[in-house]
């Protein structure tokens, strides 16, 4: 089976965490940022295309408040920072996604990896 990847970002009106992080960077580090976009990246292995599409709308995102992408949006002059757990460290978000997909499919538990992507 192949690995599916999706990027999830809060819509501008709901991007409270991204705004808070940008303000923290400005206040703590004195770095003036024009903007900051925050994404959750999910890599899923062990499911089929149909299951991935269903999980994209129900598990990985909330359509009323989130925007999903299959690739990161293009951004000229931006810096990208990706943060993820090391192998062997417990990732609660990935574990919850695995459990939800297993319940949804009533099948085997897939492997999910999660990362936070910061577009500065």
PDB file of N, CA and C in Angstrom:
ATOM      1  N   UNK A   1       0.839  -1.189   0.000  1.00  0.00           N
ATOM      2  CA  UNK A   1       0.000   0.000   0.000  1.00  0.00           C
ATOM      3  C   UNK A   1       0.879   1.245   0.000  1.00  0.00           C
ATOM      4  N   UNK A   2       0.327   2.302  -0.505  1.00  0.00           N
ATOM      5  CA  UNK A   2       1.089   3.545  -0.614  1.00  0.00           C
ATOM      6  C   UNK A   2       0.890   4.418   0.636  1.00  0.00           C
ATOM      7  N   UNK A   3       1.700   5.448   0.708  1.00  0.00           N
ATOM      8  CA  UNK A   3       1.613   6.416   1.801  1.00  0.00           C
ATOM      9  C   UNK A   3       0.868   7.640   1.286  1.00  0.00           C
ATOM     10  N   UNK A   4      -0.146   8.057   2.017  1.00  0.00           N
ATOM     11  CA  UNK A   4      -0.929   9.230   1.669  1.00  0.00           C
ATOM     12  C   UNK A   4      -0.514  10.378   2.578  1.00  0.00           C
ATOM     13  N   UNK A   5      -0.455  11.589   2.022  1.00  0.00           N
ATOM     14  CA  UNK A   5      -0.055  12.770   2.792  1.00  0.00           C
ATOM     15  C   UNK A   5      -1.101  13.862   2.612  1.00  0.00           C
ATOM     16  N   UNK A   6      -1.412  14.532   3.721  1.00  0.00           N
ATOM     17  CA  UNK A   6      -2.343  15.651   3.683  1.00  0.00           C
ATOM     18  C   UNK A   6      -1.841  16.738   4.633  1.00  0.00           C
ATOM     19  N   UNK A   7      -2.041  17.986   4.236  1.00  0.00           N
ATOM     20  CA  UNK A   7      -1.708  19.146   5.056  1.00  0.00           C
ATOM     21  C   UNK A   7      -3.012  19.820   5.451  1.00  0.00           C
ATOM     22  N   UNK A   8      -3.145  20.168   6.725  1.00  0.00           N
ATOM     23  CA  UNK A   8      -4.376  20.772   7.229  1.00  0.00           C
ATOM     24  C   UNK A   8      -4.028  22.103   7.898  1.00  0.00           C
ATOM     25  N   UNK A   9      -4.749  23.155   7.501  1.00  0.00           N
ATOM     26  CA  UNK A   9      -4.536  24.494   8.053  1.00  0.00           C
ATOM     27  C   UNK A   9      -5.882  25.063   8.473  1.00  0.00           C
ATOM     28  N   UNK A  10      -5.893  25.783   9.583  1.00  0.00           N
ATOM     29  CA  UNK A  10      -7.117  26.468  10.005  1.00  0.00           C
ATOM     30  C   UNK A  10      -7.410  27.609   9.036  1.00  0.00           C
ATOM     31  N   UNK A  11      -8.681  27.845   8.750  1.00  0.00           N
ATOM     32  CA  UNK A  11      -9.058  28.997   7.945  1.00  0.00           C
ATOM     33  C   UNK A  11      -8.654  30.264   8.692  1.00  0.00           C
ATOM     34  N   UNK A  12      -8.436  31.335   7.952  1.00  0.00           N
ATOM     35  CA  UNK A  12      -7.895  32.581   8.515  1.00  0.00           C
ATOM     36  C   UNK A  12      -8.677  33.042   9.746  1.00  0.00           C
ATOM     37  N   UNK A  13      -9.979  32.948   9.730  1.00  0.00           N
ATOM     38  CA  UNK A  13     -10.801  33.407  10.860  1.00  0.00           C
ATOM     39  C   UNK A  13     -10.595  32.554  12.117  1.00  0.00           C
ATOM     40  N   UNK A  14     -10.094  31.332  11.951  1.00  0.00           N
ATOM     41  CA  UNK A  14      -9.922  30.413  13.068  1.00  0.00           C
ATOM     42  C   UNK A  14      -8.454  30.147  13.397  1.00  0.00           C
ATOM     43  N   UNK A  15      -7.544  30.880  12.798  1.00  0.00           N
ATOM     44  CA  UNK A  15      -6.102  30.640  12.963  1.00  0.00           C
ATOM     45  C   UNK A  15      -5.562  31.313  14.222  1.00  0.00           C
ATOM     46  N   UNK A  16      -6.173  31.053  15.347  1.00  0.00           N
ATOM     47  CA  UNK A  16      -5.796  31.661  16.619  1.00  0.00           C
ATOM     48  C   UNK A  16      -4.401  31.199  17.048  1.00  0.00           C
ATOM     49  N   UNK A  17      -4.116  29.920  16.920  1.00  0.00           N
ATOM     50  CA  UNK A  17      -2.813  29.393  17.340  1.00  0.00           C
ATOM     51  C   UNK A  17      -1.680  29.969  16.497  1.00  0.00           C
ATOM     52  N   UNK A  18      -1.886  30.114  15.197  1.00  0.00           N
ATOM     53  CA  UNK A  18      -0.854  30.696  14.331  1.00  0.00           C
ATOM     54  C   UNK A  18      -0.598  32.153  14.716  1.00  0.00           C
ATOM     55  N   UNK A  19      -1.643  32.916  14.986  1.00  0.00           N
ATOM     56  CA  UNK A  19      -1.484  34.310  15.402  1.00  0.00           C
ATOM     57  C   UNK A  19      -0.765  34.407  16.744  1.00  0.00           C
ATOM     58  N   UNK A  20      -1.117  33.530  17.664  1.00  0.00           N
ATOM     59  CA  UNK A  20      -0.481  33.523  18.980  1.00  0.00           C
ATOM     60  C   UNK A  20       1.001  33.170  18.875  1.00  0.00           C
ATOM     61  N   UNK A  21       1.332  32.201  18.036  1.00  0.00           N
ATOM     62  CA  UNK A  21       2.730  31.814  17.842  1.00  0.00           C
ATOM     63  C   UNK A  21       3.522  32.956  17.214  1.00  0.00           C
ATOM     64  N   UNK A  22       2.935  33.614  16.227  1.00  0.00           N
ATOM     65  CA  UNK A  22       3.605  34.764  15.606  1.00  0.00           C
ATOM     66  C   UNK A  22       3.858  35.866  16.628  1.00  0.00           C
ATOM     67  N   UNK A  23       2.884  36.150  17.471  1.00  0.00           N
ATOM     68  CA  UNK A  23       3.047  37.180  18.502  1.00  0.00           C
ATOM     69  C   UNK A  23       4.106  36.780  19.529  1.00  0.00           C
ATOM     70  N   UNK A  24       4.181  35.497  19.877  1.00  0.00           N
ATOM     71  CA  UNK A  24       5.211  35.012  20.800  1.00  0.00           C
ATOM     72  C   UNK A  24       6.606  35.184  20.207  1.00  0.00           C
ATOM     73  N   UNK A  25       6.756  34.885  18.931  1.00  0.00           N
ATOM     74  CA  UNK A  25       8.054  35.038  18.266  1.00  0.00           C
ATOM     75  C   UNK A  25       8.457  36.509  18.230  1.00  0.00           C
ATOM     76  N   UNK A  26       7.509  37.357  17.939  1.00  0.00           N
ATOM     77  CA  UNK A  26       7.790  38.807  17.923  1.00  0.00           C
ATOM     78  C   UNK A  26       8.218  39.303  19.307  1.00  0.00           C
ATOM     79  N   UNK A  27       7.461  38.921  20.334  1.00  0.00           N
ATOM     80  CA  UNK A  27       7.715  39.420  21.689  1.00  0.00           C
ATOM     81  C   UNK A  27       8.967  38.800  22.315  1.00  0.00           C
ATOM     82  N   UNK A  28       9.134  37.498  22.178  1.00  0.00           N
ATOM     83  CA  UNK A  28      10.235  36.805  22.847  1.00  0.00           C
ATOM     84  C   UNK A  28      11.566  36.930  22.121  1.00  0.00           C
ATOM     85  N   UNK A  29      11.533  36.837  20.799  1.00  0.00           N
ATOM     86  CA  UNK A  29      12.769  36.819  20.024  1.00  0.00           C
ATOM     87  C   UNK A  29      13.061  38.134  19.312  1.00  0.00           C
ATOM     88  N   UNK A  30      12.079  39.008  19.262  1.00  0.00           N
ATOM     89  CA  UNK A  30      12.271  40.289  18.596  1.00  0.00           C
ATOM     90  C   UNK A  30      12.364  40.177  17.083  1.00  0.00           C
ATOM     91  N   UNK A  31      11.838  39.097  16.532  1.00  0.00           N
ATOM     92  CA  UNK A  31      11.846  38.881  15.082  1.00  0.00           C
ATOM     93  C   UNK A  31      10.524  39.396  14.520  1.00  0.00           C
ATOM     94  N   UNK A  32      10.612  40.287  13.566  1.00  0.00           N
ATOM     95  CA  UNK A  32       9.397  40.839  12.960  1.00  0.00           C
ATOM     96  C   UNK A  32       8.972  39.943  11.795  1.00  0.00           C
ATOM     97  N   UNK A  33       7.861  39.277  11.973  1.00  0.00           N
ATOM     98  CA  UNK A  33       7.312  38.402  10.940  1.00  0.00           C
ATOM     99  C   UNK A  33       6.109  39.081  10.290  1.00  0.00           C
ATOM    100  N   UNK A  34       6.063  39.031   8.977  1.00  0.00           N
ATOM    101  CA  UNK A  34       4.895  39.547   8.269  1.00  0.00           C
ATOM    102  C   UNK A  34       3.703  38.623   8.500  1.00  0.00           C
ATOM    103  N   UNK A  35       3.969  37.355   8.637  1.00  0.00           N
ATOM    104  CA  UNK A  35       2.898  36.398   8.854  1.00  0.00           C
ATOM    105  C   UNK A  35       3.445  35.030   9.195  1.00  0.00           C
ATOM    106  N   UNK A  36       2.596  34.195   9.716  1.00  0.00           N
ATOM    107  CA  UNK A  36       2.954  32.820  10.047  1.00  0.00           C
ATOM    108  C   UNK A  36       1.758  31.943   9.740  1.00  0.00           C
ATOM    109  N   UNK A  37       1.992  30.872   9.016  1.00  0.00           N
ATOM    110  CA  UNK A  37       0.939  29.894   8.732  1.00  0.00           C
ATOM    111  C   UNK A  37       1.338  28.586   9.381  1.00  0.00           C
ATOM    112  N   UNK A  38       0.384  27.926  10.004  1.00  0.00           N
ATOM    113  CA  UNK A  38       0.630  26.702  10.745  1.00  0.00           C
ATOM    114  C   UNK A  38      -0.175  25.566  10.124  1.00  0.00           C
ATOM    115  N   UNK A  39       0.523  24.465   9.801  1.00  0.00           N
ATOM    116  CA  UNK A  39      -0.109  23.297   9.188  1.00  0.00           C
ATOM    117  C   UNK A  39       0.131  22.066  10.045  1.00  0.00           C
ATOM    118  N   UNK A  40      -0.811  21.140  10.035  1.00  0.00           N
ATOM    119  CA  UNK A  40      -0.584  19.792  10.542  1.00  0.00           C
ATOM    120  C   UNK A  40      -0.415  18.904   9.322  1.00  0.00           C
ATOM    121  N   UNK A  41       0.684  18.150   9.275  1.00  0.00           N
ATOM    122  CA  UNK A  41       0.917  17.227   8.168  1.00  0.00           C
ATOM    123  C   UNK A  41       0.680  15.810   8.681  1.00  0.00           C
ATOM    124  N   UNK A  42      -0.085  15.043   7.933  1.00  0.00           N
ATOM    125  CA  UNK A  42      -0.352  13.653   8.285  1.00  0.00           C
ATOM    126  C   UNK A  42       0.133  12.755   7.158  1.00  0.00           C
ATOM    127  N   UNK A  43       0.912  11.739   7.491  1.00  0.00           N
ATOM    128  CA  UNK A  43       1.320  10.689   6.564  1.00  0.00           C
ATOM    129  C   UNK A  43       0.657   9.405   7.044  1.00  0.00           C
ATOM    130  N   UNK A  44      -0.104   8.771   6.156  1.00  0.00           N
ATOM    131  CA  UNK A  44      -0.879   7.588   6.533  1.00  0.00           C
ATOM    132  C   UNK A  44      -0.499   6.424   5.637  1.00  0.00           C
ATOM    133  N   UNK A  45      -0.244   5.288   6.261  1.00  0.00           N
ATOM    134  CA  UNK A  45       0.104   4.074   5.527  1.00  0.00           C
ATOM    135  C   UNK A  45      -0.770   2.931   6.033  1.00  0.00           C
ATOM    136  N   UNK A  46      -1.243   2.123   5.118  1.00  0.00           N
ATOM    137  CA  UNK A  46      -2.036   0.960   5.507  1.00  0.00           C
ATOM    138  C   UNK A  46      -3.523   1.110   5.245  1.00  0.00           C
ATOM    139  N   UNK A  47      -3.908   2.118   4.429  1.00  0.00           N
ATOM    140  CA  UNK A  47      -5.310   2.280   4.055  1.00  0.00           C
ATOM    141  C   UNK A  47      -5.396   2.486   2.545  1.00  0.00           C
ATOM    142  N   UNK A  48      -6.606   2.373   2.004  1.00  0.00           N
ATOM    143  CA  UNK A  48      -6.791   2.583   0.566  1.00  0.00           C
ATOM    144  C   UNK A  48      -7.227   4.028   0.296  1.00  0.00           C
ATOM    145  N   UNK A  49      -7.313   4.393  -0.963  1.00  0.00           N
ATOM    146  CA  UNK A  49      -7.641   5.760  -1.381  1.00  0.00           C
ATOM    147  C   UNK A  49      -9.005   6.208  -0.856  1.00  0.00           C
ATOM    148  N   UNK A  50      -9.990   5.345  -0.932  1.00  0.00           N
ATOM    149  CA  UNK A  50     -11.345   5.689  -0.491  1.00  0.00           C
ATOM    150  C   UNK A  50     -11.369   5.987   1.013  1.00  0.00           C
ATOM    151  N   UNK A  51     -10.690   5.173   1.797  1.00  0.00           N
ATOM    152  CA  UNK A  51     -10.629   5.392   3.239  1.00  0.00           C
ATOM    153  C   UNK A  51      -9.900   6.686   3.550  1.00  0.00           C
ATOM    154  N   UNK A  52      -8.820   6.958   2.810  1.00  0.00           N
ATOM    155  CA  UNK A  52      -8.066   8.194   3.024  1.00  0.00           C
ATOM    156  C   UNK A  52      -8.934   9.414   2.751  1.00  0.00           C
ATOM    157  N   UNK A  53      -9.699   9.388   1.668  1.00  0.00           N
ATOM    158  CA  UNK A  53     -10.562  10.523   1.339  1.00  0.00           C
ATOM    159  C   UNK A  53     -11.630  10.739   2.412  1.00  0.00           C
ATOM    160  N   UNK A  54     -12.185   9.654   2.939  1.00  0.00           N
ATOM    161  CA  UNK A  54     -13.181   9.775   3.999  1.00  0.00           C
ATOM    162  C   UNK A  54     -12.529  10.310   5.281  1.00  0.00           C
ATOM    163  N   UNK A  55     -11.352   9.792   5.625  1.00  0.00           N
ATOM    164  CA  UNK A  55     -10.654  10.250   6.825  1.00  0.00           C
ATOM    165  C   UNK A  55     -10.210  11.702   6.700  1.00  0.00           C
ATOM    166  N   UNK A  56      -9.906  12.148   5.484  1.00  0.00           N
ATOM    167  CA  UNK A  56      -9.492  13.532   5.266  1.00  0.00           C
ATOM    168  C   UNK A  56     -10.589  14.509   5.655  1.00  0.00           C
ATOM    169  N   UNK A  57     -11.834  14.113   5.449  1.00  0.00           N
ATOM    170  CA  UNK A  57     -12.970  14.992   5.744  1.00  0.00           C
ATOM    171  C   UNK A  57     -13.515  14.827   7.155  1.00  0.00           C
ATOM    172  N   UNK A  58     -13.188  13.717   7.815  1.00  0.00           N
ATOM    173  CA  UNK A  58     -13.808  13.462   9.112  1.00  0.00           C
ATOM    174  C   UNK A  58     -12.817  13.351  10.268  1.00  0.00           C
ATOM    175  N   UNK A  59     -11.620  12.859  10.019  1.00  0.00           N
ATOM    176  CA  UNK A  59     -10.658  12.622  11.098  1.00  0.00           C
ATOM    177  C   UNK A  59      -9.543  13.657  11.101  1.00  0.00           C
ATOM    178  N   UNK A  60      -8.956  13.909   9.944  1.00  0.00           N
ATOM    179  CA  UNK A  60      -7.809  14.818   9.875  1.00  0.00           C
ATOM    180  C   UNK A  60      -8.214  16.289   9.881  1.00  0.00           C
ATOM    181  N   UNK A  61      -9.425  16.592   9.467  1.00  0.00           N
ATOM    182  CA  UNK A  61      -9.847  17.988   9.391  1.00  0.00           C
ATOM    183  C   UNK A  61     -11.315  18.136   9.755  1.00  0.00           C
ATOM    184  N   UNK A  62     -11.667  19.370  10.065  1.00  0.00           N
ATOM    185  CA  UNK A  62     -13.057  19.756  10.261  1.00  0.00           C
ATOM    186  C   UNK A  62     -13.392  20.724   9.130  1.00  0.00           C
ATOM    187  N   UNK A  63     -14.111  20.289   8.105  1.00  0.00           N
ATOM    188  CA  UNK A  63     -14.357  21.138   6.932  1.00  0.00           C
ATOM    189  C   UNK A  63     -14.867  22.552   7.214  1.00  0.00           C
ATOM    190  N   UNK A  64     -15.693  22.793   8.231  1.00  0.00           N
ATOM    191  CA  UNK A  64     -16.130  24.184   8.454  1.00  0.00           C
ATOM    192  C   UNK A  64     -15.001  25.131   8.887  1.00  0.00           C
ATOM    193  N   UNK A  65     -13.955  24.611   9.523  1.00  0.00           N
ATOM    194  CA  UNK A  65     -12.904  25.493  10.045  1.00  0.00           C
ATOM    195  C   UNK A  65     -11.517  25.229   9.463  1.00  0.00           C
ATOM    196  N   UNK A  66     -11.349  24.160   8.691  1.00  0.00           N
ATOM    197  CA  UNK A  66     -10.038  23.786   8.152  1.00  0.00           C
ATOM    198  C   UNK A  66     -10.014  23.801   6.632  1.00  0.00           C
ATOM    199  N   UNK A  67      -8.812  24.016   6.105  1.00  0.00           N
ATOM    200  CA  UNK A  67      -8.552  23.895   4.673  1.00  0.00           C
ATOM    201  C   UNK A  67      -7.528  22.777   4.525  1.00  0.00           C
ATOM    202  N   UNK A  68      -7.747  21.861   3.573  1.00  0.00           N
ATOM    203  CA  UNK A  68      -6.809  20.761   3.361  1.00  0.00           C
ATOM    204  C   UNK A  68      -6.084  20.928   2.032  1.00  0.00           C
ATOM    205  N   UNK A  69      -4.835  20.482   2.003  1.00  0.00           N
ATOM    206  CA  UNK A  69      -3.997  20.545   0.812  1.00  0.00           C
ATOM    207  C   UNK A  69      -3.290  19.203   0.650  1.00  0.00           C
ATOM    208  N   UNK A  70      -3.032  18.837  -0.589  1.00  0.00           N
ATOM    209  CA  UNK A  70      -2.222  17.648  -0.848  1.00  0.00           C
ATOM    210  C   UNK A  70      -0.742  18.012  -0.941  1.00  0.00           C
ATOM    211  N   UNK A  71      -0.448  19.301  -1.159  1.00  0.00           N
ATOM    212  CA  UNK A  71       0.916  19.821  -1.162  1.00  0.00           C
ATOM    213  C   UNK A  71       0.911  21.148  -0.424  1.00  0.00           C
ATOM    214  N   UNK A  72       2.067  21.534   0.115  1.00  0.00           N
ATOM    215  CA  UNK A  72       2.157  22.845   0.751  1.00  0.00           C
ATOM    216  C   UNK A  72       1.936  23.935  -0.285  1.00  0.00           C
ATOM    217  N   UNK A  73       1.202  24.969   0.059  1.00  0.00           N
ATOM    218  CA  UNK A  73       1.008  26.073  -0.883  1.00  0.00           C
ATOM    219  C   UNK A  73       2.340  26.763  -1.185  1.00  0.00           C
ATOM    220  N   UNK A  74       2.477  27.250  -2.402  1.00  0.00           N
ATOM    221  CA  UNK A  74       3.693  27.959  -2.799  1.00  0.00           C
ATOM    222  C   UNK A  74       3.771  29.279  -2.046  1.00  0.00           C
ATOM    223  N   UNK A  75       4.976  29.637  -1.635  1.00  0.00           N
ATOM    224  CA  UNK A  75       5.176  30.865  -0.881  1.00  0.00           C
ATOM    225  C   UNK A  75       6.572  31.398  -1.183  1.00  0.00           C
ATOM    226  N   UNK A  76       6.639  32.473  -1.940  1.00  0.00           N
ATOM    227  CA  UNK A  76       7.928  33.065  -2.293  1.00  0.00           C
ATOM    228  C   UNK A  76       8.520  33.795  -1.096  1.00  0.00           C
ATOM    229  N   UNK A  77       9.791  33.543  -0.818  1.00  0.00           N
ATOM    230  CA  UNK A  77      10.482  34.229   0.264  1.00  0.00           C
ATOM    231  C   UNK A  77      10.138  33.722   1.648  1.00  0.00           C
ATOM    232  N   UNK A  78       9.429  32.617   1.748  1.00  0.00           N
ATOM    233  CA  UNK A  78       9.064  32.055   3.043  1.00  0.00           C
ATOM    234  C   UNK A  78      10.132  31.089   3.533  1.00  0.00           C
ATOM    235  N   UNK A  79      10.175  30.917   4.805  1.00  0.00           N
ATOM    236  CA  UNK A  79      11.013  29.896   5.436  1.00  0.00           C
ATOM    237  C   UNK A  79      10.067  28.833   5.981  1.00  0.00           C
ATOM    238  N   UNK A  80      10.492  27.577   5.879  1.00  0.00           N
ATOM    239  CA  UNK A  80       9.665  26.469   6.338  1.00  0.00           C
ATOM    240  C   UNK A  80      10.383  25.740   7.464  1.00  0.00           C
ATOM    241  N   UNK A  81       9.659  25.482   8.542  1.00  0.00           N
ATOM    242  CA  UNK A  81      10.184  24.735   9.671  1.00  0.00           C
ATOM    243  C   UNK A  81       9.218  23.593   9.951  1.00  0.00           C
ATOM    244  N   UNK A  82       9.731  22.371   9.971  1.00  0.00           N
ATOM    245  CA  UNK A  82       8.901  21.193  10.252  1.00  0.00           C
ATOM    246  C   UNK A  82       9.367  20.567  11.561  1.00  0.00           C
ATOM    247  N   UNK A  83       8.417  20.229  12.419  1.00  0.00           N
ATOM    248  CA  UNK A  83       8.717  19.640  13.718  1.00  0.00           C
ATOM    249  C   UNK A  83       7.885  18.376  13.866  1.00  0.00           C
ATOM    250  N   UNK A  84       8.563  17.261  14.187  1.00  0.00           N
ATOM    251  CA  UNK A  84       7.836  16.018  14.415  1.00  0.00           C
ATOM    252  C   UNK A  84       8.506  15.209  15.505  1.00  0.00           C
ATOM    253  N   UNK A  85       7.772  14.250  16.044  1.00  0.00           N
ATOM    254  CA  UNK A  85       8.310  13.393  17.082  1.00  0.00           C
ATOM    255  C   UNK A  85       9.361  12.462  16.501  1.00  0.00           C
ATOM    256  N   UNK A  86      10.324  12.097  17.327  1.00  0.00           N
ATOM    257  CA  UNK A  86      11.332  11.129  16.924  1.00  0.00           C
ATOM    258  C   UNK A  86      10.728   9.728  16.943  1.00  0.00           C
ATOM    259  N   UNK A  87      11.282   8.803  16.148  1.00  0.00           N
ATOM    260  CA  UNK A  87      10.791   7.423  16.220  1.00  0.00           C
ATOM    261  C   UNK A  87      10.901   6.893  17.652  1.00  0.00           C
ATOM    262  N   UNK A  88       9.830   6.295  18.116  1.00  0.00           N
ATOM    263  CA  UNK A  88       9.809   5.756  19.466  1.00  0.00           C
ATOM    264  C   UNK A  88       9.146   6.681  20.472  1.00  0.00           C
ATOM    265  N   UNK A  89       9.057   7.973  20.180  1.00  0.00           N
ATOM    266  CA  UNK A  89       8.351   8.891  21.061  1.00  0.00           C
ATOM    267  C   UNK A  89       6.847   8.772  20.816  1.00  0.00           C
ATOM    268  N   UNK A  90       6.071   8.931  21.869  1.00  0.00           N
ATOM    269  CA  UNK A  90       4.621   8.816  21.739  1.00  0.00           C
ATOM    270  C   UNK A  90       4.037  10.098  21.177  1.00  0.00           C
ATOM    271  N   UNK A  91       3.258   9.972  20.122  1.00  0.00           N
ATOM    272  CA  UNK A  91       2.577  11.097  19.480  1.00  0.00           C
ATOM    273  C   UNK A  91       1.076  10.890  19.666  1.00  0.00           C
ATOM    274  N   UNK A  92       0.496  11.662  20.572  1.00  0.00           N
ATOM    275  CA  UNK A  92      -0.912  11.488  20.899  1.00  0.00           C
ATOM    276  C   UNK A  92      -1.823  11.774  19.713  1.00  0.00           C
ATOM    277  N   UNK A  93      -1.502  12.792  18.923  1.00  0.00           N
ATOM    278  CA  UNK A  93      -2.332  13.134  17.766  1.00  0.00           C
ATOM    279  C   UNK A  93      -2.348  11.981  16.754  1.00  0.00           C
ATOM    280  N   UNK A  94      -1.173  11.420  16.452  1.00  0.00           N
ATOM    281  CA  UNK A  94      -1.088  10.306  15.498  1.00  0.00           C
ATOM    282  C   UNK A  94      -1.806   9.072  16.048  1.00  0.00           C
ATOM    283  N   UNK A  95      -1.639   8.811  17.338  1.00  0.00           N
ATOM    284  CA  UNK A  95      -2.296   7.664  17.957  1.00  0.00           C
ATOM    285  C   UNK A  95      -3.811   7.800  17.887  1.00  0.00           C
ATOM    286  N   UNK A  96      -4.327   8.987  18.154  1.00  0.00           N
ATOM    287  CA  UNK A  96      -5.777   9.216  18.072  1.00  0.00           C
ATOM    288  C   UNK A  96      -6.293   9.003  16.653  1.00  0.00           C
ATOM    289  N   UNK A  97      -5.530   9.491  15.657  1.00  0.00           N
ATOM    290  CA  UNK A  97      -5.927   9.290  14.257  1.00  0.00           C
ATOM    291  C   UNK A  97      -5.949   7.807  13.905  1.00  0.00           C
ATOM    292  N   UNK A  98      -4.929   7.075  14.346  1.00  0.00           N
ATOM    293  CA  UNK A  98      -4.886   5.634  14.084  1.00  0.00           C
ATOM    294  C   UNK A  98      -6.102   4.936  14.674  1.00  0.00           C
ATOM    295  N   UNK A  99      -6.441   5.281  15.917  1.00  0.00           N
ATOM    296  CA  UNK A  99      -7.592   4.663  16.574  1.00  0.00           C
ATOM    297  C   UNK A  99      -8.894   4.994  15.842  1.00  0.00           C
ATOM    298  N   UNK A 100      -9.062   6.243  15.445  1.00  0.00           N
ATOM    299  CA  UNK A 100     -10.288   6.651  14.755  1.00  0.00           C
ATOM    300  C   UNK A 100     -10.445   5.951  13.406  1.00  0.00           C
ATOM    301  N   UNK A 101      -9.338   5.840  12.664  1.00  0.00           N
ATOM    302  CA  UNK A 101      -9.404   5.146  11.373  1.00  0.00           C
ATOM    303  C   UNK A 101      -9.713   3.677  11.581  1.00  0.00           C
ATOM    304  N   UNK A 102      -9.132   3.056  12.595  1.00  0.00           N
ATOM    305  CA  UNK A 102      -9.411   1.648  12.870  1.00  0.00           C
ATOM    306  C   UNK A 102     -10.885   1.450  13.219  1.00  0.00           C
ATOM    307  N   UNK A 103     -11.450   2.347  13.997  1.00  0.00           N
ATOM    308  CA  UNK A 103     -12.873   2.253  14.343  1.00  0.00           C
ATOM    309  C   UNK A 103     -13.734   2.469  13.105  1.00  0.00           C
ATOM    310  N   UNK A 104     -13.354   3.453  12.270  1.00  0.00           N
ATOM    311  CA  UNK A 104     -14.124   3.772  11.068  1.00  0.00           C
ATOM    312  C   UNK A 104     -14.143   2.601  10.089  1.00  0.00           C
ATOM    313  N   UNK A 105     -13.006   1.925   9.910  1.00  0.00           N
ATOM    314  CA  UNK A 105     -12.916   0.845   8.930  1.00  0.00           C
ATOM    315  C   UNK A 105     -13.227  -0.530   9.508  1.00  0.00           C
ATOM    316  N   UNK A 106     -13.214  -0.631  10.836  1.00  0.00           N
ATOM    317  CA  UNK A 106     -13.384  -1.926  11.495  1.00  0.00           C
ATOM    318  C   UNK A 106     -12.345  -2.933  10.992  1.00  0.00           C
ATOM    319  N   UNK A 107     -11.144  -2.432  10.729  1.00  0.00           N
ATOM    320  CA  UNK A 107     -10.075  -3.281  10.210  1.00  0.00           C
ATOM    321  C   UNK A 107      -8.801  -3.112  11.002  1.00  0.00           C
ATOM    322  N   UNK A 108      -7.688  -3.359  10.338  1.00  0.00           N
ATOM    323  CA  UNK A 108      -6.386  -3.229  10.974  1.00  0.00           C
ATOM    324  C   UNK A 108      -6.059  -1.766  11.233  1.00  0.00           C
ATOM    325  N   UNK A 109      -5.199  -1.568  12.198  1.00  0.00           N
ATOM    326  CA  UNK A 109      -4.794  -0.209  12.565  1.00  0.00           C
ATOM    327  C   UNK A 109      -3.724   0.294  11.591  1.00  0.00           C
ATOM    328  N   UNK A 110      -3.944   1.443  10.954  1.00  0.00           N
ATOM    329  CA  UNK A 110      -2.941   1.984  10.031  1.00  0.00           C
ATOM    330  C   UNK A 110      -1.813   2.676  10.795  1.00  0.00           C
ATOM    331  N   UNK A 111      -0.768   3.028  10.078  1.00  0.00           N
ATOM    332  CA  UNK A 111       0.343   3.788  10.666  1.00  0.00           C
ATOM    333  C   UNK A 111       0.173   5.253  10.268  1.00  0.00           C
ATOM    334  N   UNK A 112       0.179   6.148  11.251  1.00  0.00           N
ATOM    335  CA  UNK A 112       0.026   7.572  11.005  1.00  0.00           C
ATOM    336  C   UNK A 112       1.211   8.307  11.625  1.00  0.00           C
ATOM    337  N   UNK A 113       1.788   9.224  10.872  1.00  0.00           N
ATOM    338  CA  UNK A 113       2.849  10.112  11.362  1.00  0.00           C
ATOM    339  C   UNK A 113       2.323  11.533  11.254  1.00  0.00           C
ATOM    340  N   UNK A 114       2.637  12.340  12.254  1.00  0.00           N
ATOM    341  CA  UNK A 114       2.173  13.723  12.281  1.00  0.00           C
ATOM    342  C   UNK A 114       3.365  14.666  12.432  1.00  0.00           C
ATOM    343  N   UNK A 115       3.273  15.821  11.802  1.00  0.00           N
ATOM    344  CA  UNK A 115       4.282  16.868  11.953  1.00  0.00           C
ATOM    345  C   UNK A 115       3.596  18.217  11.941  1.00  0.00           C
ATOM    346  N   UNK A 116       4.209  19.189  12.600  1.00  0.00           N
ATOM    347  CA  UNK A 116       3.737  20.574  12.554  1.00  0.00           C
ATOM    348  C   UNK A 116       4.647  21.312  11.569  1.00  0.00           C
ATOM    349  N   UNK A 117       4.054  22.026  10.640  1.00  0.00           N
ATOM    350  CA  UNK A 117       4.786  22.774   9.634  1.00  0.00           C
ATOM    351  C   UNK A 117       4.516  24.262   9.872  1.00  0.00           C
ATOM    352  N   UNK A 118       5.592  25.019  10.007  1.00  0.00           N
ATOM    353  CA  UNK A 118       5.493  26.469  10.196  1.00  0.00           C
ATOM    354  C   UNK A 118       6.005  27.141   8.929  1.00  0.00           C
ATOM    355  N   UNK A 119       5.160  27.937   8.281  1.00  0.00           N
ATOM    356  CA  UNK A 119       5.571  28.767   7.143  1.00  0.00           C
ATOM    357  C   UNK A 119       5.780  30.170   7.688  1.00  0.00           C
ATOM    358  N   UNK A 120       7.024  30.608   7.717  1.00  0.00           N
ATOM    359  CA  UNK A 120       7.365  31.919   8.263  1.00  0.00           C
ATOM    360  C   UNK A 120       7.594  32.885   7.121  1.00  0.00           C
TER     361      UNK A 120
END
